[in-house]
Amino acid sequence: MTLRFLGKDTIDGGSPTLFDDGDRYVLQGWIVADPTVLSWFGLADHETVAEVPKELMTFLPEGVTVPTGSPLVLDRGETYVFQGPLITDPMVLAQLDLPDHETVIEIPKTVLEVTGDLEPRGADV
C-alpha cells in the first residue's frame, strides 16, 4: 500500500509525520516512556502510543478534527498522545524514515471527527 504524505512537523530533532493510506491514518510520532502517561491508556498487546505536536494535526483533511474527550487521545497542552495499533507491516515501514526514538501507529479514520465536507491534502510519498 502506498502512503499519501499529509504533513510533517519537525521539532527538537524529531520528525512526527502524518500519512493517509486510504483506510486509515498512519501516524509517526515520539515513543512515550512516561509511566504516568502510559497508565492513562488501556493498551492491548498489539497497541502502543505515539506523541505528536498538535500542529501536526492541522494537516488532516479539511473537516477532520481530533475529538475532545476521546479515550484514545490524551491532550497534553502542546501535544497529543494517540493510542493505536503498532504498525509492523514491512511494506509500510519501508516507506518511512523512522528514527529510534519514534514509533508508528494506525489511527482508524473513525477515531477522528468529521465536521464538514472532506477535501484531501498532500501528495504520495
PDB file of N, CA and C in Angstrom:
ATOM      1  N   MET A   1       0.835  -1.180   0.000  1.00  0.00           N
ATOM      2  CA  MET A   1       0.000   0.000   0.000  1.00  0.00           C
ATOM      3  C   MET A   1       0.878   1.241   0.000  1.00  0.00           C
ATOM      4  N   THR A   2       0.459   2.229  -0.730  1.00  0.00           N
ATOM      5  CA  THR A   2       1.212   3.468  -0.845  1.00  0.00           C
ATOM      6  C   THR A   2       0.667   4.492   0.138  1.00  0.00           C
ATOM      7  N   LEU A   3       1.561   5.072   0.897  1.00  0.00           N
ATOM      8  CA  LEU A   3       1.175   6.121   1.835  1.00  0.00           C
ATOM      9  C   LEU A   3       1.106   7.449   1.110  1.00  0.00           C
ATOM     10  N   ARG A   4       0.102   8.226   1.463  1.00  0.00           N
ATOM     11  CA  ARG A   4      -0.011   9.587   0.938  1.00  0.00           C
ATOM     12  C   ARG A   4       0.416  10.529   2.052  1.00  0.00           C
ATOM     13  N   PHE A   5       1.483  11.260   1.831  1.00  0.00           N
ATOM     14  CA  PHE A   5       2.022  12.200   2.799  1.00  0.00           C
ATOM     15  C   PHE A   5       1.025  13.330   3.014  1.00  0.00           C
ATOM     16  N   LEU A   6       0.693  13.602   4.286  1.00  0.00           N
ATOM     17  CA  LEU A   6      -0.189  14.724   4.608  1.00  0.00           C
ATOM     18  C   LEU A   6       0.578  15.895   5.204  1.00  0.00           C
ATOM     19  N   GLY A   7       1.600  15.600   6.023  1.00  0.00           N
ATOM     20  CA  GLY A   7       2.357  16.696   6.613  1.00  0.00           C
ATOM     21  C   GLY A   7       3.368  16.218   7.631  1.00  0.00           C
ATOM     22  N   LYS A   8       4.257  17.144   7.999  1.00  0.00           N
ATOM     23  CA  LYS A   8       5.352  16.845   8.917  1.00  0.00           C
ATOM     24  C   LYS A   8       5.579  18.051   9.805  1.00  0.00           C
ATOM     25  N   ASP A   9       5.953  17.813  11.062  1.00  0.00           N
ATOM     26  CA  ASP A   9       6.252  18.893  11.995  1.00  0.00           C
ATOM     27  C   ASP A   9       7.557  18.549  12.701  1.00  0.00           C
ATOM     28  N   THR A  10       8.633  19.165  12.283  1.00  0.00           N
ATOM     29  CA  THR A  10       9.948  18.873  12.831  1.00  0.00           C
ATOM     30  C   THR A  10      10.219  19.778  14.022  1.00  0.00           C
ATOM     31  N   ILE A  11      10.395  19.137  15.193  1.00  0.00           N
ATOM     32  CA  ILE A  11      10.677  19.856  16.437  1.00  0.00           C
ATOM     33  C   ILE A  11      11.770  19.107  17.184  1.00  0.00           C
ATOM     34  N   ASP A  12      12.774  19.824  17.694  1.00  0.00           N
ATOM     35  CA  ASP A  12      13.820  19.248  18.534  1.00  0.00           C
ATOM     36  C   ASP A  12      14.416  17.978  17.940  1.00  0.00           C
ATOM     37  N   GLY A  13      14.667  17.950  16.654  1.00  0.00           N
ATOM     38  CA  GLY A  13      15.280  16.795  16.022  1.00  0.00           C
ATOM     39  C   GLY A  13      14.330  15.652  15.734  1.00  0.00           C
ATOM     40  N   GLY A  14      13.072  15.796  16.096  1.00  0.00           N
ATOM     41  CA  GLY A  14      12.082  14.763  15.810  1.00  0.00           C
ATOM     42  C   GLY A  14      11.424  15.031  14.482  1.00  0.00           C
ATOM     43  N   SER A  15      10.694  14.060  14.011  1.00  0.00           N
ATOM     44  CA  SER A  15      10.061  14.240  12.704  1.00  0.00           C
ATOM     45  C   SER A  15       8.654  13.645  12.672  1.00  0.00           C
ATOM     46  N   PRO A  16       7.782  14.002  13.616  1.00  0.00           N
ATOM     47  CA  PRO A  16       6.416  13.485  13.555  1.00  0.00           C
ATOM     48  C   PRO A  16       5.789  13.767  12.192  1.00  0.00           C
ATOM     49  N   THR A  17       5.164  12.730  11.638  1.00  0.00           N
ATOM     50  CA  THR A  17       4.648  12.805  10.283  1.00  0.00           C
ATOM     51  C   THR A  17       3.284  12.134  10.224  1.00  0.00           C
ATOM     52  N   LEU A  18       2.422  12.659   9.367  1.00  0.00           N
ATOM     53  CA  LEU A  18       1.073  12.137   9.195  1.00  0.00           C
ATOM     54  C   LEU A  18       0.881  11.704   7.751  1.00  0.00           C
ATOM     55  N   PHE A  19       0.343  10.484   7.583  1.00  0.00           N
ATOM     56  CA  PHE A  19       0.072   9.916   6.266  1.00  0.00           C
ATOM     57  C   PHE A  19      -1.366   9.414   6.222  1.00  0.00           C
ATOM     58  N   ASP A  20      -1.841   9.178   5.016  1.00  0.00           N
ATOM     59  CA  ASP A  20      -3.146   8.556   4.775  1.00  0.00           C
ATOM     60  C   ASP A  20      -2.893   7.385   3.830  1.00  0.00           C
ATOM     61  N   ASP A  21      -3.414   6.209   4.176  1.00  0.00           N
ATOM     62  CA  ASP A  21      -3.257   5.077   3.256  1.00  0.00           C
ATOM     63  C   ASP A  21      -4.579   4.679   2.622  1.00  0.00           C
ATOM     64  N   GLY A  22      -5.584   5.524   2.762  1.00  0.00           N
ATOM     65  CA  GLY A  22      -6.896   5.268   2.174  1.00  0.00           C
ATOM     66  C   GLY A  22      -7.906   4.800   3.201  1.00  0.00           C
ATOM     67  N   ASP A  23      -7.529   3.803   4.025  1.00  0.00           N
ATOM     68  CA  ASP A  23      -8.446   3.251   5.016  1.00  0.00           C
ATOM     69  C   ASP A  23      -8.198   3.773   6.419  1.00  0.00           C
ATOM     70  N   ARG A  24      -7.022   4.352   6.636  1.00  0.00           N
ATOM     71  CA  ARG A  24      -6.631   4.790   7.980  1.00  0.00           C
ATOM     72  C   ARG A  24      -5.586   5.886   7.852  1.00  0.00           C
ATOM     73  N   TYR A  25      -5.315   6.528   8.977  1.00  0.00           N
ATOM     74  CA  TYR A  25      -4.189   7.444   9.049  1.00  0.00           C
ATOM     75  C   TYR A  25      -3.018   6.676   9.648  1.00  0.00           C
ATOM     76  N   VAL A  26      -1.834   6.985   9.191  1.00  0.00           N
ATOM     77  CA  VAL A  26      -0.609   6.413   9.725  1.00  0.00           C
ATOM     78  C   VAL A  26       0.136   7.560  10.383  1.00  0.00           C
ATOM     79  N   LEU A  27       0.401   7.408  11.683  1.00  0.00           N
ATOM     80  CA  LEU A  27       0.967   8.480  12.487  1.00  0.00           C
ATOM     81  C   LEU A  27       2.339   8.074  12.996  1.00  0.00           C
ATOM     82  N   GLN A  28       3.349   8.824  12.597  1.00  0.00           N
ATOM     83  CA  GLN A  28       4.711   8.622  13.086  1.00  0.00           C
ATOM     84  C   GLN A  28       4.955   9.673  14.159  1.00  0.00           C
ATOM     85  N   GLY A  29       5.262   9.209  15.368  1.00  0.00           N
ATOM     86  CA  GLY A  29       5.476  10.145  16.471  1.00  0.00           C
ATOM     87  C   GLY A  29       6.477   9.623  17.472  1.00  0.00           C
ATOM     88  N   TRP A  30       6.690  10.405  18.508  1.00  0.00           N
ATOM     89  CA  TRP A  30       7.673  10.070  19.529  1.00  0.00           C
ATOM     90  C   TRP A  30       7.188   8.910  20.394  1.00  0.00           C
ATOM     91  N   ILE A  31       8.109   8.033  20.758  1.00  0.00           N
ATOM     92  CA  ILE A  31       7.824   6.949  21.699  1.00  0.00           C
ATOM     93  C   ILE A  31       7.564   7.574  23.067  1.00  0.00           C
ATOM     94  N   VAL A  32       6.555   7.091  23.756  1.00  0.00           N
ATOM     95  CA  VAL A  32       6.212   7.569  25.098  1.00  0.00           C
ATOM     96  C   VAL A  32       6.659   6.518  26.112  1.00  0.00           C
ATOM     97  N   ALA A  33       7.519   6.923  27.051  1.00  0.00           N
ATOM     98  CA  ALA A  33       8.008   6.007  28.079  1.00  0.00           C
ATOM     99  C   ALA A  33       7.533   6.393  29.477  1.00  0.00           C
ATOM    100  N   ASP A  34       6.899   7.555  29.619  1.00  0.00           N
ATOM    101  CA  ASP A  34       6.443   8.048  30.914  1.00  0.00           C
ATOM    102  C   ASP A  34       5.337   7.130  31.455  1.00  0.00           C
ATOM    103  N   PRO A  35       5.576   6.440  32.582  1.00  0.00           N
ATOM    104  CA  PRO A  35       4.575   5.505  33.111  1.00  0.00           C
ATOM    105  C   PRO A  35       3.252   6.177  33.477  1.00  0.00           C
ATOM    106  N   THR A  36       3.295   7.433  33.874  1.00  0.00           N
ATOM    107  CA  THR A  36       2.060   8.143  34.207  1.00  0.00           C
ATOM    108  C   THR A  36       1.191   8.323  32.965  1.00  0.00           C
ATOM    109  N   VAL A  37       1.813   8.693  31.869  1.00  0.00           N
ATOM    110  CA  VAL A  37       1.076   8.857  30.613  1.00  0.00           C
ATOM    111  C   VAL A  37       0.577   7.500  30.127  1.00  0.00           C
ATOM    112  N   LEU A  38       1.438   6.494  30.161  1.00  0.00           N
ATOM    113  CA  LEU A  38       1.054   5.158  29.694  1.00  0.00           C
ATOM    114  C   LEU A  38      -0.103   4.579  30.512  1.00  0.00           C
ATOM    115  N   SER A  39      -0.152   4.888  31.805  1.00  0.00           N
ATOM    116  CA  SER A  39      -1.218   4.353  32.662  1.00  0.00           C
ATOM    117  C   SER A  39      -2.585   4.946  32.318  1.00  0.00           C
ATOM    118  N   TRP A  40      -2.606   6.035  31.591  1.00  0.00           N
ATOM    119  CA  TRP A  40      -3.861   6.678  31.198  1.00  0.00           C
ATOM    120  C   TRP A  40      -4.599   5.836  30.162  1.00  0.00           C
ATOM    121  N   PHE A  41      -3.845   5.030  29.413  1.00  0.00           N
ATOM    122  CA  PHE A  41      -4.400   4.228  28.326  1.00  0.00           C
ATOM    123  C   PHE A  41      -4.548   2.770  28.748  1.00  0.00           C
ATOM    124  N   GLY A  42      -5.554   2.107  28.208  1.00  0.00           N
ATOM    125  CA  GLY A  42      -5.703   0.663  28.363  1.00  0.00           C
ATOM    126  C   GLY A  42      -5.179  -0.003  27.104  1.00  0.00           C
ATOM    127  N   LEU A  43      -3.879  -0.270  27.073  1.00  0.00           N
ATOM    128  CA  LEU A  43      -3.247  -0.769  25.853  1.00  0.00           C
ATOM    129  C   LEU A  43      -3.396  -2.282  25.715  1.00  0.00           C
ATOM    130  N   ALA A  44      -3.815  -2.726  24.542  1.00  0.00           N
ATOM    131  CA  ALA A  44      -3.799  -4.142  24.197  1.00  0.00           C
ATOM    132  C   ALA A  44      -2.375  -4.507  23.776  1.00  0.00           C
ATOM    133  N   ASP A  45      -2.082  -5.793  23.677  1.00  0.00           N
ATOM    134  CA  ASP A  45      -0.726  -6.246  23.339  1.00  0.00           C
ATOM    135  C   ASP A  45      -0.230  -5.706  22.006  1.00  0.00           C
ATOM    136  N   HIS A  46      -1.117  -5.496  21.055  1.00  0.00           N
ATOM    137  CA  HIS A  46      -0.714  -5.044  19.716  1.00  0.00           C
ATOM    138  C   HIS A  46      -0.739  -3.520  19.577  1.00  0.00           C
ATOM    139  N   GLU A  47      -0.970  -2.813  20.689  1.00  0.00           N
ATOM    140  CA  GLU A  47      -1.094  -1.354  20.647  1.00  0.00           C
ATOM    141  C   GLU A  47       0.069  -0.662  21.339  1.00  0.00           C
ATOM    142  N   THR A  48       0.235   0.595  20.991  1.00  0.00           N
ATOM    143  CA  THR A  48       1.188   1.469  21.665  1.00  0.00           C
ATOM    144  C   THR A  48       0.642   2.895  21.555  1.00  0.00           C
ATOM    145  N   VAL A  49       1.431   3.852  22.005  1.00  0.00           N
ATOM    146  CA  VAL A  49       1.043   5.255  21.898  1.00  0.00           C
ATOM    147  C   VAL A  49       2.157   6.026  21.197  1.00  0.00           C
ATOM    148  N   ALA A  50       1.772   7.105  20.555  1.00  0.00           N
ATOM    149  CA  ALA A  50       2.717   7.995  19.882  1.00  0.00           C
ATOM    150  C   ALA A  50       2.333   9.426  20.223  1.00  0.00           C
ATOM    151  N   GLU A  51       3.334  10.236  20.549  1.00  0.00           N
ATOM    152  CA  GLU A  51       3.098  11.639  20.886  1.00  0.00           C
ATOM    153  C   GLU A  51       3.541  12.514  19.727  1.00  0.00           C
ATOM    154  N   VAL A  52       2.698  13.487  19.403  1.00  0.00           N
ATOM    155  CA  VAL A  52       2.984  14.395  18.293  1.00  0.00           C
ATOM    156  C   VAL A  52       2.585  15.815  18.675  1.00  0.00           C
ATOM    157  N   PRO A  53       3.215  16.813  18.069  1.00  0.00           N
ATOM    158  CA  PRO A  53       2.783  18.194  18.292  1.00  0.00           C
ATOM    159  C   PRO A  53       1.365  18.380  17.752  1.00  0.00           C
ATOM    160  N   LYS A  54       0.583  19.170  18.440  1.00  0.00           N
ATOM    161  CA  LYS A  54      -0.776  19.447  17.968  1.00  0.00           C
ATOM    162  C   LYS A  54      -0.772  20.042  16.562  1.00  0.00           C
ATOM    163  N   GLU A  55       0.256  20.806  16.262  1.00  0.00           N
ATOM    164  CA  GLU A  55       0.358  21.464  14.955  1.00  0.00           C
ATOM    165  C   GLU A  55       0.315  20.454  13.807  1.00  0.00           C
ATOM    166  N   LEU A  56       0.820  19.241  14.044  1.00  0.00           N
ATOM    167  CA  LEU A  56       0.818  18.216  13.000  1.00  0.00           C
ATOM    168  C   LEU A  56      -0.595  17.891  12.529  1.00  0.00           C
ATOM    169  N   MET A  57      -1.553  17.966  13.417  1.00  0.00           N
ATOM    170  CA  MET A  57      -2.911  17.578  13.076  1.00  0.00           C
ATOM    171  C   MET A  57      -3.613  18.605  12.188  1.00  0.00           C
ATOM    172  N   THR A  58      -2.972  19.752  11.961  1.00  0.00           N
ATOM    173  CA  THR A  58      -3.538  20.719  11.013  1.00  0.00           C
ATOM    174  C   THR A  58      -3.428  20.214   9.578  1.00  0.00           C
ATOM    175  N   PHE A  59      -2.670  19.137   9.366  1.00  0.00           N
ATOM    176  CA  PHE A  59      -2.529  18.549   8.035  1.00  0.00           C
ATOM    177  C   PHE A  59      -3.624  17.525   7.723  1.00  0.00           C
ATOM    178  N   LEU A  60      -4.507  17.279   8.672  1.00  0.00           N
ATOM    179  CA  LEU A  60      -5.659  16.415   8.392  1.00  0.00           C
ATOM    180  C   LEU A  60      -6.502  17.065   7.302  1.00  0.00           C
ATOM    181  N   PRO A  61      -7.266  16.276   6.549  1.00  0.00           N
ATOM    182  CA  PRO A  61      -8.138  16.883   5.543  1.00  0.00           C
ATOM    183  C   PRO A  61      -9.092  17.894   6.175  1.00  0.00           C
ATOM    184  N   GLU A  62      -9.475  18.894   5.391  1.00  0.00           N
ATOM    185  CA  GLU A  62     -10.466  19.873   5.854  1.00  0.00           C
ATOM    186  C   GLU A  62     -11.674  19.120   6.394  1.00  0.00           C
ATOM    187  N   GLY A  63     -12.185  19.545   7.520  1.00  0.00           N
ATOM    188  CA  GLY A  63     -13.376  18.934   8.082  1.00  0.00           C
ATOM    189  C   GLY A  63     -13.109  17.775   9.019  1.00  0.00           C
ATOM    190  N   VAL A  64     -11.838  17.392   9.223  1.00  0.00           N
ATOM    191  CA  VAL A  64     -11.498  16.315  10.155  1.00  0.00           C
ATOM    192  C   VAL A  64     -10.761  16.937  11.336  1.00  0.00           C
ATOM    193  N   THR A  65     -11.213  16.616  12.547  1.00  0.00           N
ATOM    194  CA  THR A  65     -10.597  17.166  13.751  1.00  0.00           C
ATOM    195  C   THR A  65     -10.335  16.061  14.764  1.00  0.00           C
ATOM    196  N   VAL A  66      -9.492  16.359  15.730  1.00  0.00           N
ATOM    197  CA  VAL A  66      -9.218  15.455  16.832  1.00  0.00           C
ATOM    198  C   VAL A  66     -10.322  15.656  17.864  1.00  0.00           C
ATOM    199  N   PRO A  67     -11.044  14.585  18.242  1.00  0.00           N
ATOM    200  CA  PRO A  67     -12.152  14.739  19.176  1.00  0.00           C
ATOM    201  C   PRO A  67     -11.660  15.009  20.599  1.00  0.00           C
ATOM    202  N   THR A  68     -12.348  15.878  21.306  1.00  0.00           N
ATOM    203  CA  THR A  68     -12.024  16.122  22.704  1.00  0.00           C
ATOM    204  C   THR A  68     -12.679  15.034  23.543  1.00  0.00           C
ATOM    205  N   GLY A  69     -11.980  14.584  24.561  1.00  0.00           N
ATOM    206  CA  GLY A  69     -12.541  13.598  25.468  1.00  0.00           C
ATOM    207  C   GLY A  69     -12.485  12.163  24.982  1.00  0.00           C
ATOM    208  N   SER A  70     -11.817  11.898  23.869  1.00  0.00           N
ATOM    209  CA  SER A  70     -11.708  10.526  23.363  1.00  0.00           C
ATOM    210  C   SER A  70     -10.806   9.713  24.276  1.00  0.00           C
ATOM    211  N   PRO A  71     -11.169   8.460  24.578  1.00  0.00           N
ATOM    212  CA  PRO A  71     -10.279   7.627  25.399  1.00  0.00           C
ATOM    213  C   PRO A  71      -9.018   7.203  24.649  1.00  0.00           C
ATOM    214  N   LEU A  72      -8.951   7.479  23.345  1.00  0.00           N
ATOM    215  CA  LEU A  72      -7.792   7.094  22.536  1.00  0.00           C
ATOM    216  C   LEU A  72      -6.835   8.247  22.290  1.00  0.00           C
ATOM    217  N   VAL A  73      -7.158   9.436  22.819  1.00  0.00           N
ATOM    218  CA  VAL A  73      -6.324  10.619  22.594  1.00  0.00           C
ATOM    219  C   VAL A  73      -6.180  11.372  23.915  1.00  0.00           C
ATOM    220  N   LEU A  74      -4.948  11.636  24.306  1.00  0.00           N
ATOM    221  CA  LEU A  74      -4.663  12.424  25.501  1.00  0.00           C
ATOM    222  C   LEU A  74      -4.130  13.780  25.066  1.00  0.00           C
ATOM    223  N   ASP A  75      -4.789  14.839  25.501  1.00  0.00           N
ATOM    224  CA  ASP A  75      -4.378  16.214  25.204  1.00  0.00           C
ATOM    225  C   ASP A  75      -3.395  16.646  26.282  1.00  0.00           C
ATOM    226  N   ARG A  76      -2.141  16.907  25.887  1.00  0.00           N
ATOM    227  CA  ARG A  76      -1.108  17.307  26.842  1.00  0.00           C
ATOM    228  C   ARG A  76      -0.709  18.768  26.675  1.00  0.00           C
ATOM    229  N   GLY A  77      -1.614  19.590  26.209  1.00  0.00           N
ATOM    230  CA  GLY A  77      -1.314  21.011  26.032  1.00  0.00           C
ATOM    231  C   GLY A  77      -0.770  21.300  24.652  1.00  0.00           C
ATOM    232  N   GLU A  78       0.531  21.176  24.461  1.00  0.00           N
ATOM    233  CA  GLU A  78       1.157  21.433  23.164  1.00  0.00           C
ATOM    234  C   GLU A  78       1.188  20.196  22.272  1.00  0.00           C
ATOM    235  N   THR A  79       0.891  19.030  22.876  1.00  0.00           N
ATOM    236  CA  THR A  79       0.969  17.774  22.128  1.00  0.00           C
ATOM    237  C   THR A  79      -0.279  16.922  22.345  1.00  0.00           C
ATOM    238  N   TYR A  80      -0.464  15.956  21.451  1.00  0.00           N
ATOM    239  CA  TYR A  80      -1.450  14.893  21.628  1.00  0.00           C
ATOM    240  C   TYR A  80      -0.691  13.579  21.760  1.00  0.00           C
ATOM    241  N   VAL A  81      -1.224  12.674  22.572  1.00  0.00           N
ATOM    242  CA  VAL A  81      -0.743  11.301  22.618  1.00  0.00           C
ATOM    243  C   VAL A  81      -1.887  10.438  22.099  1.00  0.00           C
ATOM    244  N   PHE A  82      -1.627   9.700  21.020  1.00  0.00           N
ATOM    245  CA  PHE A  82      -2.629   8.847  20.398  1.00  0.00           C
ATOM    246  C   PHE A  82      -2.349   7.389  20.714  1.00  0.00           C
ATOM    247  N   GLN A  83      -3.398   6.644  20.997  1.00  0.00           N
ATOM    248  CA  GLN A  83      -3.325   5.201  21.171  1.00  0.00           C
ATOM    249  C   GLN A  83      -3.750   4.540  19.870  1.00  0.00           C
ATOM    250  N   GLY A  84      -3.017   3.501  19.476  1.00  0.00           N
ATOM    251  CA  GLY A  84      -3.406   2.780  18.277  1.00  0.00           C
ATOM    252  C   GLY A  84      -2.573   1.542  18.062  1.00  0.00           C
ATOM    253  N   PRO A  85      -2.993   0.707  17.116  1.00  0.00           N
ATOM    254  CA  PRO A  85      -2.217  -0.485  16.791  1.00  0.00           C
ATOM    255  C   PRO A  85      -0.835  -0.103  16.252  1.00  0.00           C
ATOM    256  N   LEU A  86       0.185  -0.788  16.757  1.00  0.00           N
ATOM    257  CA  LEU A  86       1.544  -0.613  16.272  1.00  0.00           C
ATOM    258  C   LEU A  86       1.618  -1.146  14.845  1.00  0.00           C
ATOM    259  N   ILE A  87       2.193  -0.372  13.953  1.00  0.00           N
ATOM    260  CA  ILE A  87       2.317  -0.816  12.571  1.00  0.00           C
ATOM    261  C   ILE A  87       3.623  -1.588  12.421  1.00  0.00           C
ATOM    262  N   THR A  88       3.499  -2.831  11.957  1.00  0.00           N
ATOM    263  CA  THR A  88       4.659  -3.697  11.755  1.00  0.00           C
ATOM    264  C   THR A  88       4.776  -4.166  10.303  1.00  0.00           C
ATOM    265  N   ASP A  89       3.857  -3.758   9.453  1.00  0.00           N
ATOM    266  CA  ASP A  89       3.840  -4.163   8.047  1.00  0.00           C
ATOM    267  C   ASP A  89       5.119  -3.667   7.363  1.00  0.00           C
ATOM    268  N   PRO A  90       5.971  -4.585   6.863  1.00  0.00           N
ATOM    269  CA  PRO A  90       7.227  -4.172   6.236  1.00  0.00           C
ATOM    270  C   PRO A  90       7.041  -3.247   5.041  1.00  0.00           C
ATOM    271  N   MET A  91       5.940  -3.398   4.300  1.00  0.00           N
ATOM    272  CA  MET A  91       5.696  -2.532   3.139  1.00  0.00           C
ATOM    273  C   MET A  91       5.445  -1.089   3.569  1.00  0.00           C
ATOM    274  N   VAL A  92       4.775  -0.912   4.709  1.00  0.00           N
ATOM    275  CA  VAL A  92       4.536   0.430   5.235  1.00  0.00           C
ATOM    276  C   VAL A  92       5.831   0.987   5.824  1.00  0.00           C
ATOM    277  N   LEU A  93       6.501   0.188   6.643  1.00  0.00           N
ATOM    278  CA  LEU A  93       7.723   0.653   7.303  1.00  0.00           C
ATOM    279  C   LEU A  93       8.811   1.026   6.307  1.00  0.00           C
ATOM    280  N   ALA A  94       8.855   0.345   5.163  1.00  0.00           N
ATOM    281  CA  ALA A  94       9.863   0.641   4.136  1.00  0.00           C
ATOM    282  C   ALA A  94       9.685   2.035   3.541  1.00  0.00           C
ATOM    283  N   GLN A  95       8.492   2.615   3.685  1.00  0.00           N
ATOM    284  CA  GLN A  95       8.214   3.940   3.128  1.00  0.00           C
ATOM    285  C   GLN A  95       8.542   5.068   4.112  1.00  0.00           C
ATOM    286  N   LEU A  96       8.968   4.701   5.325  1.00  0.00           N
ATOM    287  CA  LEU A  96       9.189   5.684   6.380  1.00  0.00           C
ATOM    288  C   LEU A  96      10.662   5.862   6.696  1.00  0.00           C
ATOM    289  N   ASP A  97      11.003   7.048   7.177  1.00  0.00           N
ATOM    290  CA  ASP A  97      12.300   7.317   7.776  1.00  0.00           C
ATOM    291  C   ASP A  97      12.021   7.365   9.273  1.00  0.00           C
ATOM    292  N   LEU A  98      12.235   6.233   9.960  1.00  0.00           N
ATOM    293  CA  LEU A  98      11.807   6.080  11.348  1.00  0.00           C
ATOM    294  C   LEU A  98      13.011   6.030  12.286  1.00  0.00           C
ATOM    295  N   PRO A  99      13.334   7.150  12.954  1.00  0.00           N
ATOM    296  CA  PRO A  99      14.450   7.136  13.907  1.00  0.00           C
ATOM    297  C   PRO A  99      14.123   6.262  15.127  1.00  0.00           C
ATOM    298  N   ASP A 100      15.147   5.895  15.889  1.00  0.00           N
ATOM    299  CA  ASP A 100      14.977   5.004  17.041  1.00  0.00           C
ATOM    300  C   ASP A 100      14.055   5.562  18.120  1.00  0.00           C
ATOM    301  N   HIS A 101      13.927   6.879  18.209  1.00  0.00           N
ATOM    302  CA  HIS A 101      13.116   7.485  19.265  1.00  0.00           C
ATOM    303  C   HIS A 101      11.656   7.691  18.824  1.00  0.00           C
ATOM    304  N   GLU A 102      11.295   7.139  17.670  1.00  0.00           N
ATOM    305  CA  GLU A 102       9.929   7.298  17.173  1.00  0.00           C
ATOM    306  C   GLU A 102       9.287   5.947  16.899  1.00  0.00           C
ATOM    307  N   THR A 103       7.978   5.955  16.841  1.00  0.00           N
ATOM    308  CA  THR A 103       7.178   4.775  16.550  1.00  0.00           C
ATOM    309  C   THR A 103       6.121   5.158  15.530  1.00  0.00           C
ATOM    310  N   VAL A 104       5.412   4.178  15.029  1.00  0.00           N
ATOM    311  CA  VAL A 104       4.369   4.460  14.042  1.00  0.00           C
ATOM    312  C   VAL A 104       3.141   3.619  14.373  1.00  0.00           C
ATOM    313  N   ILE A 105       1.987   4.301  14.393  1.00  0.00           N
ATOM    314  CA  ILE A 105       0.737   3.636  14.735  1.00  0.00           C
ATOM    315  C   ILE A 105      -0.330   3.912  13.681  1.00  0.00           C
ATOM    316  N   GLU A 106      -1.351   3.100  13.755  1.00  0.00           N
ATOM    317  CA  GLU A 106      -2.534   3.269  12.911  1.00  0.00           C
ATOM    318  C   GLU A 106      -3.575   4.054  13.692  1.00  0.00           C
ATOM    319  N   ILE A 107      -4.206   4.997  13.032  1.00  0.00           N
ATOM    320  CA  ILE A 107      -5.352   5.698  13.614  1.00  0.00           C
ATOM    321  C   ILE A 107      -6.534   5.441  12.689  1.00  0.00           C
ATOM    322  N   PRO A 108      -7.474   4.613  13.122  1.00  0.00           N
ATOM    323  CA  PRO A 108      -8.659   4.404  12.280  1.00  0.00           C
ATOM    324  C   PRO A 108      -9.356   5.735  12.029  1.00  0.00           C
ATOM    325  N   LYS A 109      -9.823   5.923  10.829  1.00  0.00           N
ATOM    326  CA  LYS A 109     -10.480   7.187  10.492  1.00  0.00           C
ATOM    327  C   LYS A 109     -11.711   7.436  11.355  1.00  0.00           C
ATOM    328  N   THR A 110     -12.289   6.391  11.919  1.00  0.00           N
ATOM    329  CA  THR A 110     -13.469   6.548  12.770  1.00  0.00           C
ATOM    330  C   THR A 110     -13.142   7.175  14.116  1.00  0.00           C
ATOM    331  N   VAL A 111     -11.850   7.217  14.502  1.00  0.00           N
ATOM    332  CA  VAL A 111     -11.448   7.821  15.773  1.00  0.00           C
ATOM    333  C   VAL A 111     -11.542   9.340  15.710  1.00  0.00           C
ATOM    334  N   LEU A 112     -11.350   9.909  14.523  1.00  0.00           N
ATOM    335  CA  LEU A 112     -11.361  11.359  14.363  1.00  0.00           C
ATOM    336  C   LEU A 112     -12.749  11.824  13.954  1.00  0.00           C
ATOM    337  N   GLU A 113     -13.062  13.077  14.259  1.00  0.00           N
ATOM    338  CA  GLU A 113     -14.383  13.637  13.973  1.00  0.00           C
ATOM    339  C   GLU A 113     -14.403  14.282  12.600  1.00  0.00           C
ATOM    340  N   VAL A 114     -15.487  14.044  11.886  1.00  0.00           N
ATOM    341  CA  VAL A 114     -15.704  14.713  10.607  1.00  0.00           C
ATOM    342  C   VAL A 114     -16.718  15.816  10.855  1.00  0.00           C
ATOM    343  N   THR A 115     -16.301  17.057  10.595  1.00  0.00           N
ATOM    344  CA  THR A 115     -17.162  18.198  10.900  1.00  0.00           C
ATOM    345  C   THR A 115     -17.649  18.914   9.655  1.00  0.00           C
ATOM    346  N   GLY A 116     -17.326  18.398   8.489  1.00  0.00           N
ATOM    347  CA  GLY A 116     -17.749  19.043   7.255  1.00  0.00           C
ATOM    348  C   GLY A 116     -17.382  18.193   6.063  1.00  0.00           C
ATOM    349  N   ASP A 117     -17.436  18.768   4.873  1.00  0.00           N
ATOM    350  CA  ASP A 117     -17.030  18.061   3.667  1.00  0.00           C
ATOM    351  C   ASP A 117     -15.528  17.817   3.697  1.00  0.00           C
ATOM    352  N   LEU A 118     -15.109  16.628   3.296  1.00  0.00           N
ATOM    353  CA  LEU A 118     -13.699  16.287   3.305  1.00  0.00           C
ATOM    354  C   LEU A 118     -13.042  16.687   1.997  1.00  0.00           C
ATOM    355  N   GLU A 119     -11.865  17.295   2.131  1.00  0.00           N
ATOM    356  CA  GLU A 119     -11.081  17.621   0.952  1.00  0.00           C
ATOM    357  C   GLU A 119      -9.676  17.111   1.194  1.00  0.00           C
ATOM    358  N   PRO A 120      -9.159  16.231   0.328  1.00  0.00           N
ATOM    359  CA  PRO A 120      -7.814  15.684   0.565  1.00  0.00           C
ATOM    360  C   PRO A 120      -6.728  16.739   0.430  1.00  0.00           C
ATOM    361  N   ARG A 121      -5.652  16.533   1.208  1.00  0.00           N
ATOM    362  CA  ARG A 121      -4.456  17.361   1.117  1.00  0.00           C
ATOM    363  C   ARG A 121      -3.278  16.416   0.938  1.00  0.00           C
ATOM    364  N   GLY A 122      -2.148  16.922   0.538  1.00  0.00           N
ATOM    365  CA  GLY A 122      -0.927  16.122   0.496  1.00  0.00           C
ATOM    366  C   GLY A 122      -0.704  15.463  -0.839  1.00  0.00           C
ATOM    367  N   ALA A 123       0.396  14.690  -0.888  1.00  0.00           N
ATOM    368  CA  ALA A 123       0.787  14.005  -2.118  1.00  0.00           C
ATOM    369  C   ALA A 123       1.320  12.634  -1.759  1.00  0.00           C
ATOM    370  N   ASP A 124       1.466  11.756  -2.746  1.00  0.00           N
ATOM    371  CA  ASP A 124       2.018  10.427  -2.493  1.00  0.00           C
ATOM    372  C   ASP A 124       3.456  10.541  -2.041  1.00  0.00           C
ATOM    373  N   VAL A 125       3.857   9.603  -1.196  1.00  0.00           N
ATOM    374  CA  VAL A 125       5.236   9.557  -0.703  1.00  0.00           C
ATOM    375  C   VAL A 125       6.111   8.983  -1.782  1.00  0.00           C
TER     376      VAL A 125
END
